[in-house]
N, C-alpha and C. Protein backbone atom coordinates (compact mmCIF):
# COMPACT_ATOMS: atom_id res chain seq x y z
N VAL A 1 56.75 -18.81 256.95
CA VAL A 1 57.73 -19.43 256.08
C VAL A 1 57.57 -18.92 254.65
N ALA A 2 56.34 -18.88 254.17
CA ALA A 2 56.11 -18.45 252.79
C ALA A 2 56.50 -16.98 252.59
N LYS A 3 56.18 -16.15 253.57
CA LYS A 3 56.52 -14.73 253.47
C LYS A 3 58.03 -14.55 253.43
N TYR A 4 58.73 -15.25 254.31
CA TYR A 4 60.19 -15.18 254.34
C TYR A 4 60.77 -15.64 253.00
N ALA A 5 60.25 -16.74 252.47
CA ALA A 5 60.74 -17.27 251.19
C ALA A 5 60.52 -16.27 250.06
N LEU A 6 59.35 -15.64 250.05
CA LEU A 6 59.07 -14.64 249.02
C LEU A 6 60.05 -13.47 249.11
N LEU A 7 60.22 -12.94 250.31
CA LEU A 7 61.12 -11.79 250.48
C LEU A 7 62.56 -12.14 250.12
N GLU A 8 63.02 -13.31 250.50
CA GLU A 8 64.39 -13.72 250.17
C GLU A 8 64.57 -13.93 248.67
N THR A 9 63.55 -14.47 248.01
CA THR A 9 63.62 -14.69 246.57
C THR A 9 63.72 -13.37 245.82
N ILE A 10 62.91 -12.41 246.23
CA ILE A 10 62.96 -11.09 245.59
C ILE A 10 64.32 -10.44 245.85
N LYS A 11 64.77 -10.51 247.09
CA LYS A 11 66.07 -9.93 247.47
C LYS A 11 67.20 -10.52 246.63
N GLU A 12 67.19 -11.82 246.44
CA GLU A 12 68.24 -12.48 245.65
C GLU A 12 68.09 -12.20 244.16
N GLY A 13 66.86 -12.01 243.70
CA GLY A 13 66.61 -11.80 242.27
C GLY A 13 66.98 -10.41 241.79
N ILE A 14 66.79 -9.42 242.66
CA ILE A 14 67.10 -8.03 242.27
C ILE A 14 67.82 -7.31 243.41
N PRO A 15 69.01 -7.79 243.75
CA PRO A 15 69.70 -7.21 244.91
C PRO A 15 70.01 -5.72 244.76
N GLU A 16 70.20 -5.27 243.54
CA GLU A 16 70.53 -3.86 243.33
C GLU A 16 69.34 -2.94 243.60
N MET A 17 68.13 -3.49 243.58
CA MET A 17 66.93 -2.69 243.84
C MET A 17 66.39 -2.89 245.25
N TRP A 18 66.90 -3.87 245.97
CA TRP A 18 66.37 -4.23 247.28
C TRP A 18 66.63 -3.12 248.29
N SER A 19 65.63 -2.81 249.09
CA SER A 19 65.75 -1.79 250.12
C SER A 19 64.76 -2.10 251.24
N ALA A 20 64.89 -1.40 252.34
CA ALA A 20 63.95 -1.58 253.45
C ALA A 20 62.53 -1.22 253.01
N ASP A 21 62.40 -0.18 252.20
CA ASP A 21 61.07 0.20 251.71
C ASP A 21 60.46 -0.89 250.85
N MET A 22 61.27 -1.50 249.98
CA MET A 22 60.76 -2.57 249.14
C MET A 22 60.37 -3.77 249.99
N LYS A 23 61.19 -4.11 250.97
CA LYS A 23 60.89 -5.22 251.86
C LYS A 23 59.56 -4.98 252.58
N ASN A 24 59.37 -3.77 253.08
CA ASN A 24 58.13 -3.45 253.79
C ASN A 24 56.92 -3.50 252.86
N ALA A 25 57.08 -3.00 251.64
CA ALA A 25 55.97 -3.00 250.68
C ALA A 25 55.57 -4.42 250.31
N TRP A 26 56.55 -5.26 250.00
CA TRP A 26 56.25 -6.64 249.65
C TRP A 26 55.70 -7.41 250.85
N GLY A 27 56.22 -7.13 252.03
CA GLY A 27 55.71 -7.78 253.23
C GLY A 27 54.26 -7.43 253.48
N GLU A 28 53.92 -6.17 253.31
CA GLU A 28 52.53 -5.74 253.49
C GLU A 28 51.62 -6.34 252.42
N ALA A 29 52.09 -6.37 251.18
CA ALA A 29 51.30 -6.96 250.11
C ALA A 29 51.02 -8.44 250.39
N PHE A 30 52.03 -9.15 250.87
CA PHE A 30 51.85 -10.56 251.21
C PHE A 30 50.83 -10.70 252.33
N ASP A 31 50.93 -9.87 253.37
CA ASP A 31 50.00 -9.94 254.50
C ASP A 31 48.56 -9.68 254.05
N GLN A 32 48.37 -8.71 253.17
CA GLN A 32 47.03 -8.41 252.68
C GLN A 32 46.47 -9.56 251.86
N LEU A 33 47.30 -10.15 251.02
CA LEU A 33 46.86 -11.29 250.22
C LEU A 33 46.51 -12.47 251.11
N ALA A 34 47.34 -12.75 252.10
CA ALA A 34 47.07 -13.86 253.02
C ALA A 34 45.77 -13.62 253.78
N SER A 35 45.52 -12.40 254.20
CA SER A 35 44.28 -12.07 254.91
C SER A 35 43.07 -12.28 254.02
N ALA A 36 43.17 -11.86 252.77
CA ALA A 36 42.06 -12.02 251.83
C ALA A 36 41.78 -13.50 251.58
N ILE A 37 42.82 -14.29 251.43
CA ILE A 37 42.64 -15.73 251.20
C ILE A 37 41.99 -16.37 252.42
N LYS A 38 42.46 -16.03 253.61
CA LYS A 38 41.87 -16.59 254.83
C LYS A 38 40.40 -16.21 254.96
N ALA A 39 40.07 -14.97 254.64
CA ALA A 39 38.68 -14.52 254.73
C ALA A 39 37.78 -15.30 253.77
N GLU A 40 38.27 -15.58 252.58
CA GLU A 40 37.49 -16.32 251.59
C GLU A 40 37.35 -17.80 251.94
N MET A 41 38.24 -18.31 252.76
CA MET A 41 38.20 -19.73 253.12
C MET A 41 37.24 -20.01 254.27
N LYS A 42 36.77 -18.96 254.95
CA LYS A 42 35.84 -19.16 256.06
C LYS A 42 34.51 -19.65 255.50
N PRO A 43 33.88 -20.61 256.17
CA PRO A 43 32.59 -21.10 255.69
C PRO A 43 31.53 -20.00 255.77
N ALA A 44 30.63 -20.01 254.81
CA ALA A 44 29.54 -19.03 254.80
C ALA A 44 28.58 -19.33 255.94
N SER A 45 28.02 -18.29 256.52
CA SER A 45 27.05 -18.47 257.60
C SER A 45 25.75 -19.02 257.03
N ALA A 46 25.13 -19.92 257.77
CA ALA A 46 23.89 -20.55 257.28
C ALA A 46 22.68 -19.69 257.58
């Protein structure tokens, strides 16, 4: 849901610049950020 909302917000904010390449780049950036956040949220091993 958050990824979709981000992509739609960017698309609506700068429609003249929106492209498949931009969608893919932002989608990948979001996925990498989400992965990093999830990794940091894992409890440390004892």
